[in-house]
N, C-alpha and C. Protein backbone atom coordinates (compact mmCIF):
# COMPACT_ATOMS: atom_id res chain seq x y z
N MET A 1 141.29 112.58 89.48
CA MET A 1 141.94 112.03 90.65
C MET A 1 141.15 112.42 91.89
N LYS A 2 140.89 111.46 92.73
CA LYS A 2 140.19 111.70 93.98
C LYS A 2 141.20 112.11 95.04
N THR A 3 140.86 113.13 95.83
CA THR A 3 141.77 113.57 96.88
C THR A 3 141.15 113.30 98.24
N VAL A 4 142.01 113.18 99.22
CA VAL A 4 141.57 112.95 100.59
C VAL A 4 141.83 114.22 101.37
N ALA A 5 140.77 114.86 101.87
CA ALA A 5 140.92 116.04 102.69
C ALA A 5 141.02 115.60 104.15
N MET A 6 142.04 116.10 104.83
CA MET A 6 142.25 115.69 106.22
C MET A 6 142.48 116.93 107.07
N ASN A 7 141.88 116.92 108.25
CA ASN A 7 142.16 117.99 109.18
C ASN A 7 143.42 117.63 109.95
N PRO A 8 144.06 118.59 110.62
CA PRO A 8 145.31 118.31 111.33
C PRO A 8 145.18 117.22 112.39
N GLU A 9 144.06 117.17 113.09
CA GLU A 9 143.87 116.15 114.12
C GLU A 9 143.83 114.75 113.50
N ALA A 10 143.16 114.63 112.36
CA ALA A 10 143.08 113.34 111.68
C ALA A 10 144.46 112.92 111.18
N LEU A 11 145.25 113.86 110.71
CA LEU A 11 146.60 113.56 110.25
C LEU A 11 147.48 113.06 111.40
N LEU A 12 147.37 113.72 112.55
CA LEU A 12 148.12 113.28 113.73
C LEU A 12 147.67 111.90 114.19
N GLU A 13 146.38 111.65 114.16
CA GLU A 13 145.84 110.34 114.53
C GLU A 13 146.33 109.26 113.56
N LEU A 14 146.33 109.59 112.27
CA LEU A 14 146.80 108.65 111.27
C LEU A 14 148.29 108.35 111.46
N ALA A 15 149.07 109.35 111.80
CA ALA A 15 150.51 109.16 111.99
C ALA A 15 150.81 108.20 113.14
N ALA A 16 149.89 108.09 114.10
CA ALA A 16 150.11 107.24 115.27
C ALA A 16 149.40 105.89 115.17
N ALA A 17 148.54 105.72 114.16
CA ALA A 17 147.73 104.50 114.05
C ALA A 17 148.58 103.30 113.67
N ARG A 18 148.26 102.16 114.27
CA ARG A 18 148.99 100.92 114.01
C ARG A 18 148.07 99.87 113.41
N MET A 19 148.67 98.99 112.62
CA MET A 19 147.94 97.88 111.99
C MET A 19 147.57 96.88 113.08
N PRO A 20 146.28 96.58 113.24
CA PRO A 20 145.85 95.73 114.35
C PRO A 20 145.92 94.22 114.10
N PHE A 21 146.24 93.80 112.88
CA PHE A 21 146.21 92.36 112.58
C PHE A 21 147.10 92.06 111.38
N GLY A 22 147.31 90.77 111.15
CA GLY A 22 147.97 90.31 109.94
C GLY A 22 149.48 90.35 109.99
N LYS A 23 150.06 90.19 108.83
CA LYS A 23 151.51 90.12 108.67
C LYS A 23 152.22 91.35 109.24
N TYR A 24 151.59 92.48 109.15
CA TYR A 24 152.20 93.74 109.60
C TYR A 24 151.59 94.25 110.91
N GLU A 25 151.05 93.35 111.71
CA GLU A 25 150.46 93.73 112.99
C GLU A 25 151.47 94.53 113.82
N GLY A 26 151.01 95.66 114.35
CA GLY A 26 151.85 96.51 115.17
C GLY A 26 152.60 97.59 114.40
N TRP A 27 152.67 97.49 113.10
CA TRP A 27 153.34 98.51 112.30
C TRP A 27 152.49 99.77 112.26
N LEU A 28 153.16 100.92 112.19
CA LEU A 28 152.44 102.15 111.92
C LEU A 28 151.83 102.04 110.53
N LEU A 29 150.60 102.49 110.38
CA LEU A 29 149.95 102.42 109.07
C LEU A 29 150.76 103.15 108.00
N ILE A 30 151.37 104.26 108.39
CA ILE A 30 152.13 105.03 107.41
C ILE A 30 153.42 104.33 107.00
N ASP A 31 153.84 103.31 107.75
CA ASP A 31 155.04 102.56 107.40
C ASP A 31 154.75 101.27 106.65
N LEU A 32 153.48 100.97 106.43
CA LEU A 32 153.14 99.76 105.68
C LEU A 32 153.72 99.86 104.27
N PRO A 33 154.19 98.74 103.72
CA PRO A 33 154.68 98.79 102.34
C PRO A 33 153.57 99.21 101.37
N GLU A 34 153.94 100.00 100.39
CA GLU A 34 152.96 100.48 99.42
C GLU A 34 152.25 99.31 98.74
N SER A 35 152.99 98.25 98.45
CA SER A 35 152.38 97.10 97.76
C SER A 35 151.26 96.49 98.60
N TYR A 36 151.43 96.49 99.92
CA TYR A 36 150.40 95.93 100.82
C TYR A 36 149.15 96.81 100.81
N VAL A 37 149.37 98.11 100.85
CA VAL A 37 148.23 99.04 100.84
C VAL A 37 147.51 98.99 99.50
N VAL A 38 148.25 98.84 98.42
CA VAL A 38 147.64 98.70 97.09
C VAL A 38 146.85 97.40 97.02
N TRP A 39 147.39 96.33 97.61
CA TRP A 39 146.67 95.06 97.66
C TRP A 39 145.34 95.24 98.39
N PHE A 40 145.36 95.94 99.53
CA PHE A 40 144.13 96.21 100.27
C PHE A 40 143.14 96.97 99.40
N ALA A 41 143.63 97.93 98.64
CA ALA A 41 142.74 98.72 97.77
C ALA A 41 142.05 97.80 96.77
N GLY A 42 142.76 96.81 96.27
CA GLY A 42 142.17 95.88 95.32
C GLY A 42 141.20 94.90 95.95
N GLN A 43 141.46 94.51 97.20
CA GLN A 43 140.62 93.55 97.91
C GLN A 43 139.40 94.22 98.56
N GLY A 44 139.56 95.49 98.85
CA GLY A 44 138.52 96.23 99.57
C GLY A 44 139.00 96.52 100.98
N PHE A 45 138.91 97.77 101.36
CA PHE A 45 139.34 98.18 102.69
C PHE A 45 138.33 97.71 103.73
N PRO A 46 138.78 97.47 104.96
CA PRO A 46 137.83 97.09 106.01
C PRO A 46 136.86 98.23 106.30
N GLU A 47 135.79 97.91 106.97
CA GLU A 47 134.81 98.92 107.37
C GLU A 47 135.38 99.78 108.51
N GLY A 48 134.77 100.92 108.72
CA GLY A 48 135.05 101.75 109.89
C GLY A 48 136.32 102.57 109.79
N ARG A 49 136.81 102.95 110.95
CA ARG A 49 137.95 103.87 111.05
C ARG A 49 139.20 103.30 110.38
N LEU A 50 139.49 102.02 110.62
CA LEU A 50 140.68 101.42 110.01
C LEU A 50 140.60 101.51 108.49
N GLY A 51 139.46 101.22 107.94
CA GLY A 51 139.30 101.33 106.49
C GLY A 51 139.53 102.74 105.97
N ARG A 52 138.98 103.71 106.69
CA ARG A 52 139.19 105.11 106.29
C ARG A 52 140.66 105.48 106.38
N GLN A 53 141.33 105.02 107.43
CA GLN A 53 142.75 105.33 107.60
C GLN A 53 143.59 104.65 106.51
N LEU A 54 143.30 103.39 106.21
CA LEU A 54 144.04 102.70 105.16
C LEU A 54 143.80 103.34 103.80
N ARG A 55 142.59 103.79 103.57
CA ARG A 55 142.27 104.47 102.31
C ARG A 55 143.10 105.76 102.21
N ALA A 56 143.22 106.49 103.31
CA ALA A 56 144.02 107.72 103.31
C ALA A 56 145.50 107.40 103.09
N VAL A 57 146.00 106.34 103.73
CA VAL A 57 147.40 105.93 103.54
C VAL A 57 147.63 105.56 102.08
N HIS A 58 146.68 104.86 101.48
CA HIS A 58 146.78 104.50 100.07
C HIS A 58 146.92 105.75 99.21
N GLU A 59 146.05 106.71 99.41
CA GLU A 59 146.10 107.95 98.63
C GLU A 59 147.42 108.67 98.82
N ILE A 60 147.90 108.72 100.06
CA ILE A 60 149.16 109.39 100.36
C ILE A 60 150.32 108.69 99.66
N LYS A 61 150.37 107.38 99.75
CA LYS A 61 151.48 106.62 99.17
C LYS A 61 151.48 106.65 97.64
N VAL A 62 150.34 106.41 97.02
CA VAL A 62 150.32 106.36 95.56
C VAL A 62 150.55 107.74 94.93
N ASN A 63 150.37 108.79 95.72
CA ASN A 63 150.62 110.14 95.23
C ASN A 63 151.97 110.70 95.69
N GLY A 64 152.79 109.84 96.32
CA GLY A 64 154.14 110.25 96.72
C GLY A 64 154.18 111.31 97.80
N LEU A 65 153.22 111.28 98.71
CA LEU A 65 153.14 112.32 99.75
C LEU A 65 153.61 111.85 101.12
N GLU A 66 154.36 110.75 101.18
CA GLU A 66 154.81 110.22 102.47
C GLU A 66 155.60 111.25 103.28
N TYR A 67 156.28 112.18 102.59
CA TYR A 67 157.07 113.19 103.27
C TYR A 67 156.23 114.02 104.25
N LEU A 68 154.92 114.04 104.06
CA LEU A 68 154.07 114.81 104.98
C LEU A 68 154.17 114.28 106.41
N PHE A 69 154.54 113.00 106.56
CA PHE A 69 154.63 112.41 107.89
C PHE A 69 156.01 112.56 108.52
N ASP A 70 157.00 113.00 107.76
CA ASP A 70 158.36 113.10 108.31
C ASP A 70 158.42 113.93 109.60
N PRO A 71 157.79 115.11 109.65
CA PRO A 71 157.87 115.88 110.90
C PRO A 71 157.06 115.26 112.05
N LEU A 72 156.20 114.30 111.76
CA LEU A 72 155.35 113.71 112.78
C LEU A 72 155.94 112.42 113.37
N ARG A 73 157.04 111.98 112.83
CA ARG A 73 157.67 110.73 113.30
C ARG A 73 158.47 110.99 114.55
């Protein structure tokens, strides 16, 4: 299993990041439906920061770690 190592600043940034386009435009990345994030994983994540953030959200969701964001909401 591949793990995503994140520093606290990156976690805070991820908690505030929003989807910039598409059906879920404006949603917090951490609130995206798991099925949508899994779909992205199958299609390929975008390049750059958004791709890295979506990849981290994917890892968090498929491993049942969403609770890590509860104190950051």
